[in-house]
PDB file of N, CA and C in Angstrom:
ATOM      1  N   MET A   1     130.900  69.893 309.256  1.00  0.00           N
ATOM      2  CA  MET A   1     131.389  71.242 309.514  1.00  0.00           C
ATOM      3  C   MET A   1     132.057  71.296 310.874  1.00  0.00           C
ATOM      4  N   ALA A   2     133.041  72.134 310.974  1.00  0.00           N
ATOM      5  CA  ALA A   2     133.757  72.315 312.237  1.00  0.00           C
ATOM      6  C   ALA A   2     133.027  73.338 313.108  1.00  0.00           C
ATOM      7  N   ARG A   3     133.277  73.242 314.407  1.00  0.00           N
ATOM      8  CA  ARG A   3     132.670  74.173 315.367  1.00  0.00           C
ATOM      9  C   ARG A   3     133.744  75.111 315.901  1.00  0.00           C
ATOM     10  N   TYR A   4     133.356  76.360 316.083  1.00  0.00           N
ATOM     11  CA  TYR A   4     134.265  77.396 316.559  1.00  0.00           C
ATOM     12  C   TYR A   4     133.588  78.189 317.659  1.00  0.00           C
ATOM     13  N   LEU A   5     134.399  78.586 318.637  1.00  0.00           N
ATOM     14  CA  LEU A   5     133.947  79.481 319.697  1.00  0.00           C
ATOM     15  C   LEU A   5     134.590  80.837 319.438  1.00  0.00           C
ATOM     16  N   PHE A   6     133.770  81.871 319.348  1.00  0.00           N
ATOM     17  CA  PHE A   6     134.257  83.238 319.231  1.00  0.00           C
ATOM     18  C   PHE A   6     134.018  83.930 320.564  1.00  0.00           C
ATOM     19  N   GLU A   7     135.074  84.459 321.135  1.00  0.00           N
ATOM     20  CA  GLU A   7     134.988  85.220 322.382  1.00  0.00           C
ATOM     21  C   GLU A   7     135.217  86.683 322.002  1.00  0.00           C
ATOM     22  N   VAL A   8     134.185  87.501 322.158  1.00  0.00           N
ATOM     23  CA  VAL A   8     134.245  88.887 321.714  1.00  0.00           C
ATOM     24  C   VAL A   8     134.227  89.817 322.921  1.00  0.00           C
ATOM     25  N   SER A   9     135.167  90.739 322.917  1.00  0.00           N
ATOM     26  CA  SER A   9     135.209  91.796 323.930  1.00  0.00           C
ATOM     27  C   SER A   9     135.002  93.112 323.199  1.00  0.00           C
ATOM     28  N   TYR A  10     133.900  93.782 323.508  1.00  0.00           N
ATOM     29  CA  TYR A  10     133.572  95.025 322.813  1.00  0.00           C
ATOM     30  C   TYR A  10     134.449  96.181 323.266  1.00  0.00           C
ATOM     31  N   SER A  11     134.765  97.066 322.338  1.00  0.00           N
ATOM     32  CA  SER A  11     135.367  98.356 322.667  1.00  0.00           C
ATOM     33  C   SER A  11     134.241  99.249 323.194  1.00  0.00           C
ATOM     34  N   VAL A  12     134.587 100.426 323.640  1.00  0.00           N
ATOM     35  CA  VAL A  12     133.561 101.372 324.101  1.00  0.00           C
ATOM     36  C   VAL A  12     132.565 101.645 322.976  1.00  0.00           C
ATOM     37  N   ASP A  13     133.074 101.871 321.757  1.00  0.00           N
ATOM     38  CA  ASP A  13     132.176 102.134 320.626  1.00  0.00           C
ATOM     39  C   ASP A  13     131.315 100.919 320.291  1.00  0.00           C
ATOM     40  N   GLY A  14     131.891  99.728 320.391  1.00  0.00           N
ATOM     41  CA  GLY A  14     131.117  98.518 320.147  1.00  0.00           C
ATOM     42  C   GLY A  14     129.971  98.359 321.134  1.00  0.00           C
ATOM     43  N   MET A  15     130.249  98.631 322.407  1.00  0.00           N
ATOM     44  CA  MET A  15     129.192  98.520 323.413  1.00  0.00           C
ATOM     45  C   MET A  15     128.138  99.608 323.210  1.00  0.00           C
ATOM     46  N   ARG A  16     128.572 100.782 322.783  1.00  0.00           N
ATOM     47  CA  ARG A  16     127.594 101.842 322.458  1.00  0.00           C
ATOM     48  C   ARG A  16     126.662 101.378 321.351  1.00  0.00           C
ATOM     49  N   GLY A  17     127.226 100.674 320.364  1.00  0.00           N
ATOM     50  CA  GLY A  17     126.410 100.145 319.278  1.00  0.00           C
ATOM     51  C   GLY A  17     125.384  99.141 319.768  1.00  0.00           C
ATOM     52  N   VAL A  18     125.787  98.272 320.699  1.00  0.00           N
ATOM     53  CA  VAL A  18     124.842  97.303 321.275  1.00  0.00           C
ATOM     54  C   VAL A  18     123.754  98.042 322.048  1.00  0.00           C
ATOM     55  N   MET A  19     124.143  99.059 322.792  1.00  0.00           N
ATOM     56  CA  MET A  19     123.161  99.841 323.556  1.00  0.00           C
ATOM     57  C   MET A  19     122.170 100.532 322.611  1.00  0.00           C
ATOM     58  N   LYS A  20     122.646 100.989 321.465  1.00  0.00           N
ATOM     59  CA  LYS A  20     121.795 101.682 320.505  1.00  0.00           C
ATOM     60  C   LYS A  20     120.867 100.723 319.762  1.00  0.00           C
ATOM     61  N   GLU A  21     121.437  99.603 319.250  1.00  0.00           N
ATOM     62  CA  GLU A  21     120.676  98.681 318.404  1.00  0.00           C
ATOM     63  C   GLU A  21     119.955  97.585 319.172  1.00  0.00           C
ATOM     64  N   GLY A  22     120.466  97.214 320.336  1.00  0.00           N
ATOM     65  CA  GLY A  22     119.881  96.135 321.123  1.00  0.00           C
ATOM     66  C   GLY A  22     120.620  94.824 320.932  1.00  0.00           C
ATOM     67  N   ALA A  23     120.636  94.029 321.994  1.00  0.00           N
ATOM     68  CA  ALA A  23     121.360  92.752 321.981  1.00  0.00           C
ATOM     69  C   ALA A  23     120.703  91.737 321.051  1.00  0.00           C
ATOM     70  N   GLU A  24     119.381  91.673 321.045  1.00  0.00           N
ATOM     71  CA  GLU A  24     118.707  90.709 320.172  1.00  0.00           C
ATOM     72  C   GLU A  24     118.939  91.040 318.704  1.00  0.00           C
ATOM     73  N   ASN A  25     118.997  92.330 318.375  1.00  0.00           N
ATOM     74  CA  ASN A  25     119.292  92.736 317.003  1.00  0.00           C
ATOM     75  C   ASN A  25     120.689  92.274 316.600  1.00  0.00           C
ATOM     76  N   ARG A  26     121.637  92.337 317.549  1.00  0.00           N
ATOM     77  CA  ARG A  26     123.005  91.896 317.261  1.00  0.00           C
ATOM     78  C   ARG A  26     123.021  90.398 316.970  1.00  0.00           C
ATOM     79  N   GLU A  27     122.305  89.632 317.783  1.00  0.00           N
ATOM     80  CA  GLU A  27     122.232  88.180 317.563  1.00  0.00           C
ATOM     81  C   GLU A  27     121.614  87.865 316.199  1.00  0.00           C
ATOM     82  N   THR A  28     120.560  88.569 315.846  1.00  0.00           N
ATOM     83  CA  THR A  28     119.911  88.354 314.555  1.00  0.00           C
ATOM     84  C   THR A  28     120.857  88.669 313.411  1.00  0.00           C
ATOM     85  N   PHE A  29     121.592  89.784 313.526  1.00  0.00           N
ATOM     86  CA  PHE A  29     122.544  90.167 312.489  1.00  0.00           C
ATOM     87  C   PHE A  29     123.631  89.107 312.319  1.00  0.00           C
ATOM     88  N   ILE A  30     124.213  88.652 313.437  1.00  0.00           N
ATOM     89  CA  ILE A  30     125.289  87.658 313.381  1.00  0.00           C
ATOM     90  C   ILE A  30     124.774  86.342 312.802  1.00  0.00           C
ATOM     91  N   SER A  31     123.580  85.939 313.168  1.00  0.00           N
ATOM     92  CA  SER A  31     123.000  84.695 312.638  1.00  0.00           C
ATOM     93  C   SER A  31     122.806  84.783 311.130  1.00  0.00           C
ATOM     94  N   LYS A  32     122.339  85.923 310.642  1.00  0.00           N
ATOM     95  CA  LYS A  32     122.147  86.101 309.200  1.00  0.00           C
ATOM     96  C   LYS A  32     123.487  86.126 308.479  1.00  0.00           C
ATOM     97  N   MET A  33     124.464  86.830 309.054  1.00  0.00           N
ATOM     98  CA  MET A  33     125.793  86.873 308.455  1.00  0.00           C
ATOM     99  C   MET A  33     126.356  85.456 308.326  1.00  0.00           C
ATOM    100  N   ALA A  34     126.220  84.671 309.398  1.00  0.00           N
ATOM    101  CA  ALA A  34     126.711  83.292 309.385  1.00  0.00           C
ATOM    102  C   ALA A  34     126.013  82.485 308.291  1.00  0.00           C
ATOM    103  N   ALA A  35     124.699  82.587 308.216  1.00  0.00           N
ATOM    104  CA  ALA A  35     123.938  81.844 307.210  1.00  0.00           C
ATOM    105  C   ALA A  35     124.373  82.222 305.800  1.00  0.00           C
ATOM    106  N   ASP A  36     124.629  83.503 305.573  1.00  0.00           N
ATOM    107  CA  ASP A  36     125.086  83.961 304.256  1.00  0.00           C
ATOM    108  C   ASP A  36     126.442  83.366 303.888  1.00  0.00           C
ATOM    109  N   LEU A  37     127.221  82.949 304.901  1.00  0.00           N
ATOM    110  CA  LEU A  37     128.539  82.347 304.679  1.00  0.00           C
ATOM    111  C   LEU A  37     128.497  80.819 304.704  1.00  0.00           C
ATOM    112  N   GLY A  38     127.291  80.257 304.774  1.00  0.00           N
ATOM    113  CA  GLY A  38     127.160  78.802 304.819  1.00  0.00           C
ATOM    114  C   GLY A  38     127.390  78.221 306.196  1.00  0.00           C
ATOM    115  N   ALA A  39     127.325  79.070 307.215  1.00  0.00           N
ATOM    116  CA  ALA A  39     127.556  78.658 308.599  1.00  0.00           C
ATOM    117  C   ALA A  39     126.248  78.769 309.381  1.00  0.00           C
ATOM    118  N   SER A  40     126.287  78.346 310.644  1.00  0.00           N
ATOM    119  CA  SER A  40     125.120  78.497 311.510  1.00  0.00           C
ATOM    120  C   SER A  40     125.577  78.804 312.933  1.00  0.00           C
ATOM    121  N   VAL A  41     124.765  79.581 313.633  1.00  0.00           N
ATOM    122  CA  VAL A  41     125.047  79.929 315.022  1.00  0.00           C
ATOM    123  C   VAL A  41     124.345  78.926 315.922  1.00  0.00           C
ATOM    124  N   GLU A  42     125.104  78.238 316.757  1.00  0.00           N
ATOM    125  CA  GLU A  42     124.533  77.300 317.734  1.00  0.00           C
ATOM    126  C   GLU A  42     124.098  78.023 318.997  1.00  0.00           C
ATOM    127  N   SER A  43     124.926  78.975 319.438  1.00  0.00           N
ATOM    128  CA  SER A  43     124.577  79.741 320.635  1.00  0.00           C
ATOM    129  C   SER A  43     125.202  81.121 320.554  1.00  0.00           C
ATOM    130  N   PHE A  44     124.528  82.082 321.162  1.00  0.00           N
ATOM    131  CA  PHE A  44     124.988  83.475 321.188  1.00  0.00           C
ATOM    132  C   PHE A  44     124.626  83.997 322.565  1.00  0.00           C
ATOM    133  N   ASP A  45     125.642  84.192 323.407  1.00  0.00           N
ATOM    134  CA  ASP A  45     125.391  84.564 324.793  1.00  0.00           C
ATOM    135  C   ASP A  45     126.238  85.747 325.229  1.00  0.00           C
ATOM    136  N   PHE A  46     125.592  86.719 325.870  1.00  0.00           N
ATOM    137  CA  PHE A  46     126.316  87.803 326.519  1.00  0.00           C
ATOM    138  C   PHE A  46     126.755  87.313 327.895  1.00  0.00           C
ATOM    139  N   ALA A  47     127.814  87.924 328.439  1.00  0.00           N
ATOM    140  CA  ALA A  47     128.361  87.461 329.715  1.00  0.00           C
ATOM    141  C   ALA A  47     128.937  88.627 330.500  1.00  0.00           C
ATOM    142  N   PHE A  48     129.102  88.404 331.785  1.00  0.00           N
ATOM    143  CA  PHE A  48     129.830  89.333 332.633  1.00  0.00           C
ATOM    144  C   PHE A  48     131.320  89.044 332.497  1.00  0.00           C
ATOM    145  N   GLY A  49     132.155  90.021 332.775  1.00  0.00           N
ATOM    146  CA  GLY A  49     133.601  89.785 332.784  1.00  0.00           C
ATOM    147  C   GLY A  49     134.294  90.412 331.593  1.00  0.00           C
ATOM    148  N   ALA A  50     135.512  89.969 331.353  1.00  0.00           N
ATOM    149  CA  ALA A  50     136.340  90.535 330.286  1.00  0.00           C
ATOM    150  C   ALA A  50     135.787  90.222 328.898  1.00  0.00           C
ATOM    151  N   THR A  51     135.118  89.094 328.759  1.00  0.00           N
ATOM    152  CA  THR A  51     134.503  88.718 327.488  1.00  0.00           C
ATOM    153  C   THR A  51     133.036  89.089 327.533  1.00  0.00           C
ATOM    154  N   ASP A  52     132.596  89.846 326.526  1.00  0.00           N
ATOM    155  CA  ASP A  52     131.211  90.324 326.497  1.00  0.00           C
ATOM    156  C   ASP A  52     130.254  89.349 325.824  1.00  0.00           C
ATOM    157  N   VAL A  53     130.752  88.620 324.815  1.00  0.00           N
ATOM    158  CA  VAL A  53     129.885  87.726 324.048  1.00  0.00           C
ATOM    159  C   VAL A  53     130.638  86.431 323.734  1.00  0.00           C
ATOM    160  N   TYR A  54     129.939  85.317 323.878  1.00  0.00           N
ATOM    161  CA  TYR A  54     130.430  84.005 323.464  1.00  0.00           C
ATOM    162  C   TYR A  54     129.496  83.508 322.361  1.00  0.00           C
ATOM    163  N   VAL A  55     130.080  83.170 321.213  1.00  0.00           N
ATOM    164  CA  VAL A  55     129.285  82.673 320.087  1.00  0.00           C
ATOM    165  C   VAL A  55     129.892  81.350 319.633  1.00  0.00           C
ATOM    166  N   ILE A  56     129.059  80.323 319.542  1.00  0.00           N
ATOM    167  CA  ILE A  56     129.497  79.037 318.994  1.00  0.00           C
ATOM    168  C   ILE A  56     128.817  78.863 317.644  1.00  0.00           C
ATOM    169  N   CYS A  57     129.636  78.612 316.624  1.00  0.00           N
ATOM    170  CA  CYS A  57     129.141  78.462 315.254  1.00  0.00           C
ATOM    171  C   CYS A  57     129.644  77.171 314.636  1.00  0.00           C
ATOM    172  N   GLU A  58     128.863  76.641 313.717  1.00  0.00           N
ATOM    173  CA  GLU A  58     129.328  75.594 312.812  1.00  0.00           C
ATOM    174  C   GLU A  58     129.681  76.305 311.524  1.00  0.00           C
ATOM    175  N   ILE A  59     130.934  76.137 311.080  1.00  0.00           N
ATOM    176  CA  ILE A  59     131.451  76.884 309.936  1.00  0.00           C
ATOM    177  C   ILE A  59     132.107  75.897 308.975  1.00  0.00           C
ATOM    178  N   PRO A  60     131.919  76.108 307.665  1.00  0.00           N
ATOM    179  CA  PRO A  60     132.427  75.137 306.689  1.00  0.00           C
ATOM    180  C   PRO A  60     133.930  74.908 306.709  1.00  0.00           C
ATOM    181  N   ASP A  61     134.735  75.953 307.008  1.00  0.00           N
ATOM    182  CA  ASP A  61     136.183  75.771 306.920  1.00  0.00           C
ATOM    183  C   ASP A  61     136.913  76.834 307.746  1.00  0.00           C
ATOM    184  N   ASP A  62     138.213  76.590 307.952  1.00  0.00           N
ATOM    185  CA  ASP A  62     139.035  77.509 308.746  1.00  0.00           C
ATOM    186  C   ASP A  62     139.120  78.899 308.116  1.00  0.00           C
ATOM    187  N   GLU A  63     139.145  78.948 306.791  1.00  0.00           N
ATOM    188  CA  GLU A  63     139.267  80.235 306.113  1.00  0.00           C
ATOM    189  C   GLU A  63     138.058  81.127 306.390  1.00  0.00           C
ATOM    190  N   THR A  64     136.865  80.548 306.386  1.00  0.00           N
ATOM    191  CA  THR A  64     135.662  81.326 306.681  1.00  0.00           C
ATOM    192  C   THR A  64     135.669  81.781 308.131  1.00  0.00           C
ATOM    193  N   ALA A  65     136.096  80.907 309.040  1.00  0.00           N
ATOM    194  CA  ALA A  65     136.202  81.289 310.452  1.00  0.00           C
ATOM    195  C   ALA A  65     137.197  82.437 310.623  1.00  0.00           C
ATOM    196  N   ALA A  66     138.324  82.348 309.924  1.00  0.00           N
ATOM    197  CA  ALA A  66     139.324  83.415 309.998  1.00  0.00           C
ATOM    198  C   ALA A  66     138.774  84.717 309.428  1.00  0.00           C
ATOM    199  N   ALA A  67     138.027  84.639 308.346  1.00  0.00           N
ATOM    200  CA  ALA A  67     137.441  85.844 307.743  1.00  0.00           C
ATOM    201  C   ALA A  67     136.496  86.537 308.719  1.00  0.00           C
ATOM    202  N   ILE A  68     135.699  85.753 309.440  1.00  0.00           N
ATOM    203  CA  ILE A  68     134.787  86.325 310.442  1.00  0.00           C
ATOM    204  C   ILE A  68     135.588  87.004 311.540  1.00  0.00           C
ATOM    205  N   ALA A  69     136.584  86.314 312.074  1.00  0.00           N
ATOM    206  CA  ALA A  69     137.401  86.874 313.150  1.00  0.00           C
ATOM    207  C   ALA A  69     138.106  88.149 312.710  1.00  0.00           C
ATOM    208  N   MET A  70     138.632  88.148 311.486  1.00  0.00           N
ATOM    209  CA  MET A  70     139.325  89.335 310.984  1.00  0.00           C
ATOM    210  C   MET A  70     138.356  90.497 310.788  1.00  0.00           C
ATOM    211  N   ALA A  71     137.147  90.208 310.309  1.00  0.00           N
ATOM    212  CA  ALA A  71     136.153  91.262 310.111  1.00  0.00           C
ATOM    213  C   ALA A  71     135.775  91.901 311.441  1.00  0.00           C
ATOM    214  N   VAL A  72     135.568  91.070 312.467  1.00  0.00           N
ATOM    215  CA  VAL A  72     135.227  91.597 313.789  1.00  0.00           C
ATOM    216  C   VAL A  72     136.397  92.417 314.339  1.00  0.00           C
ATOM    217  N   GLY A  73     137.589  91.849 314.296  1.00  0.00           N
ATOM    218  CA  GLY A  73     138.758  92.523 314.853  1.00  0.00           C
ATOM    219  C   GLY A  73     139.105  93.821 314.155  1.00  0.00           C
ATOM    220  N   SER A  74     138.957  93.862 312.834  1.00  0.00           N
ATOM    221  CA  SER A  74     139.333  95.063 312.088  1.00  0.00           C
ATOM    222  C   SER A  74     138.257  96.137 312.106  1.00  0.00           C
ATOM    223  N   SER A  75     137.070  95.807 312.633  1.00  0.00           N
ATOM    224  CA  SER A  75     135.982  96.792 312.667  1.00  0.00           C
ATOM    225  C   SER A  75     136.210  97.888 313.701  1.00  0.00           C
ATOM    226  N   GLY A  76     137.062  97.606 314.683  1.00  0.00           N
ATOM    227  CA  GLY A  76     137.272  98.560 315.762  1.00  0.00           C
ATOM    228  C   GLY A  76     136.214  98.473 316.852  1.00  0.00           C
ATOM    229  N   ALA A  77     135.202  97.630 316.645  1.00  0.00           N
ATOM    230  CA  ALA A  77     134.122  97.493 317.619  1.00  0.00           C
ATOM    231  C   ALA A  77     134.478  96.553 318.756  1.00  0.00           C
ATOM    232  N   GLY A  78     135.574  95.823 318.601  1.00  0.00           N
ATOM    233  CA  GLY A  78     135.969  94.907 319.667  1.00  0.00           C
ATOM    234  C   GLY A  78     137.074  93.981 319.202  1.00  0.00           C
ATOM    235  N   SER A  79     137.504  93.144 320.113  1.00  0.00           N
ATOM    236  CA  SER A  79     138.505  92.134 319.793  1.00  0.00           C
ATOM    237  C   SER A  79     137.832  90.772 319.775  1.00  0.00           C
ATOM    238  N   CYS A  80     138.416  89.854 319.027  1.00  0.00           N
ATOM    239  CA  CYS A  80     137.819  88.537 318.863  1.00  0.00           C
ATOM    240  C   CYS A  80     138.884  87.470 319.027  1.00  0.00           C
ATOM    241  N   ARG A  81     138.630  86.553 319.929  1.00  0.00           N
ATOM    242  CA  ARG A  81     139.489  85.382 320.107  1.00  0.00           C
ATOM    243  C   ARG A  81     138.717  84.195 319.557  1.00  0.00           C
ATOM    244  N   THR A  82     139.364  83.400 318.721  1.00  0.00           N
ATOM    245  CA  THR A  82     138.684  82.278 318.069  1.00  0.00           C
ATOM    246  C   THR A  82     139.295  80.966 318.539  1.00  0.00           C
ATOM    247  N   VAL A  83     138.441  80.021 318.902  1.00  0.00           N
ATOM    248  CA  VAL A  83     138.878  78.701 319.357  1.00  0.00           C
ATOM    249  C   VAL A  83     138.166  77.653 318.506  1.00  0.00           C
ATOM    250  N   LYS A  84     138.943  76.778 317.877  1.00  0.00           N
ATOM    251  CA  LYS A  84     138.338  75.669 317.136  1.00  0.00           C
ATOM    252  C   LYS A  84     137.996  74.578 318.146  1.00  0.00           C
ATOM    253  N   LEU A  85     136.762  74.141 318.128  1.00  0.00           N
ATOM    254  CA  LEU A  85     136.291  73.140 319.087  1.00  0.00           C
ATOM    255  C   LEU A  85     136.371  71.742 318.475  1.00  0.00           C
ATOM    256  N   LEU A  86     136.666  70.766 319.315  1.00  0.00           N
ATOM    257  CA  LEU A  86     136.755  69.374 318.893  1.00  0.00           C
ATOM    258  C   LEU A  86     135.741  68.534 319.652  1.00  0.00           C
ATOM    259  N   SER A  87     135.149  67.590 318.962  1.00  0.00           N
ATOM    260  CA  SER A  87     134.168  66.700 319.587  1.00  0.00           C
ATOM    261  C   SER A  87     134.891  65.605 320.380  1.00  0.00           C
ATOM    262  N   PRO A  88     134.186  64.937 321.290  1.00  0.00           N
ATOM    263  CA  PRO A  88     134.800  63.810 321.997  1.00  0.00           C
ATOM    264  C   PRO A  88     135.311  62.726 321.042  1.00  0.00           C
ATOM    265  N   SER A  89     134.584  62.469 319.961  1.00  0.00           N
ATOM    266  CA  SER A  89     135.045  61.435 319.026  1.00  0.00           C
ATOM    267  C   SER A  89     136.334  61.867 318.316  1.00  0.00           C
ATOM    268  N   GLN A  90     136.494  63.164 318.059  1.00  0.00           N
ATOM    269  CA  GLN A  90     137.749  63.629 317.464  1.00  0.00           C
ATOM    270  C   GLN A  90     138.918  63.436 318.434  1.00  0.00           C
ATOM    271  N   ILE A  91     138.684  63.680 319.699  1.00  0.00           N
ATOM    272  CA  ILE A  91     139.733  63.482 320.707  1.00  0.00           C
ATOM    273  C   ILE A  91     140.065  62.004 320.825  1.00  0.00           C
ATOM    274  N   ASP A  92     139.040  61.147 320.801  1.00  0.00           N
ATOM    275  CA  ASP A  92     139.299  59.706 320.850  1.00  0.00           C
ATOM    276  C   ASP A  92     140.116  59.254 319.647  1.00  0.00           C
ATOM    277  N   LYS A  93     139.841  59.816 318.474  1.00  0.00           N
ATOM    278  CA  LYS A  93     140.626  59.484 317.284  1.00  0.00           C
ATOM    279  C   LYS A  93     142.071  59.957 317.473  1.00  0.00           C
ATOM    280  N   ALA A  94     142.245  61.146 318.031  1.00  0.00           N
ATOM    281  CA  ALA A  94     143.584  61.693 318.269  1.00  0.00           C
ATOM    282  C   ALA A  94     144.368  60.833 319.264  1.00  0.00           C
ATOM    283  N   ARG A  95     143.667  60.266 320.252  1.00  0.00           N
ATOM    284  CA  ARG A  95     144.337  59.405 321.238  1.00  0.00           C
ATOM    285  C   ARG A  95     145.064  58.256 320.580  1.00  0.00           C
ATOM    286  N   GLY A  96     144.546  57.789 319.453  1.00  0.00           N
ATOM    287  CA  GLY A  96     145.133  56.633 318.778  1.00  0.00           C
ATOM    288  C   GLY A  96     146.286  56.958 317.856  1.00  0.00           C
ATOM    289  N   ILE A  97     146.632  58.222 317.721  1.00  0.00           N
ATOM    290  CA  ILE A  97     147.726  58.612 316.834  1.00  0.00           C
ATOM    291  C   ILE A  97     149.028  58.658 317.621  1.00  0.00           C
ATOM    292  N   THR A  98     149.990  57.840 317.217  1.00  0.00           N
ATOM    293  CA  THR A  98     151.298  57.823 317.860  1.00  0.00           C
ATOM    294  C   THR A  98     152.154  58.925 317.237  1.00  0.00           C
ATOM    295  N   THR A  99     152.664  59.825 318.082  1.00  0.00           N
ATOM    296  CA  THR A  99     153.412  60.965 317.565  1.00  0.00           C
ATOM    297  C   THR A  99     154.934  60.800 317.659  1.00  0.00           C
ATOM    298  N   GLY A 100     155.420  59.953 318.561  1.00  0.00           N
ATOM    299  CA  GLY A 100     156.845  59.832 318.758  1.00  0.00           C
ATOM    300  C   GLY A 100     157.422  60.937 319.618  1.00  0.00           C
ATOM    301  N   TYR A 101     156.548  61.761 320.211  1.00  0.00           N
ATOM    302  CA  TYR A 101     157.007  62.861 321.058  1.00  0.00           C
ATOM    303  C   TYR A 101     157.713  62.330 322.304  1.00  0.00           C
ATOM    304  N   ARG A 102     158.782  63.034 322.725  1.00  0.00           N
ATOM    305  CA  ARG A 102     159.495  62.724 323.957  1.00  0.00           C
ATOM    306  C   ARG A 102     159.656  64.026 324.711  1.00  0.00           C
ATOM    307  N   ALA A 103     159.364  64.014 326.008  1.00  0.00           N
ATOM    308  CA  ALA A 103     159.546  65.199 326.837  1.00  0.00           C
ATOM    309  C   ALA A 103     161.027  65.546 326.954  1.00  0.00           C
ATOM    310  N   PRO A 104     161.360  66.822 327.042  1.00  0.00           N
ATOM    311  CA  PRO A 104     162.768  67.194 327.178  1.00  0.00           C
ATOM    312  C   PRO A 104     163.406  66.511 328.388  1.00  0.00           C
ATOM    313  N   GLY A 105     164.585  65.928 328.192  1.00  0.00           N
ATOM    314  CA  GLY A 105     165.316  65.293 329.276  1.00  0.00           C
ATOM    315  C   GLY A 105     164.821  63.895 329.634  1.00  0.00           C
ATOM    316  N   ALA A 106     163.784  63.413 328.984  1.00  0.00           N
ATOM    317  CA  ALA A 106     163.251  62.088 329.323  1.00  0.00           C
ATOM    318  C   ALA A 106     164.040  60.988 328.663  1.00  0.00           C
TER     319      ALA A 106
END
C-alpha cells in the first residue's frame, strides 16, 4: 500500500466542530473511516500554524486517497492538501531510471 500525507486546515466551522466533539473523537472517526476503506492511519497530529492537522495513512490506491481528499475538501470544514509519500527504496529505484532529460540551454 502507498503512504499519503494529508495536511488539513480547518475552516472556522471545522474548528468549532473539533471544539464541540473533541480532538480524540476526530482521530477515532478518521481511523474508522480509513479502516472502512481498507486503509490505516499511521499518525494523526494536531499542529500550530497554517496547517491544523497532519495525517499519514497507508491507502490501497490513488483513487481512494483522492476520494478522501475530495470528501474533506467538499465538506466545507476545511481544506486538504494531499502528498503521496515515497520510501527510501522507491527513491533508490527511481535513481536508476534514465530519463533522457536535458536542462534548457544545456
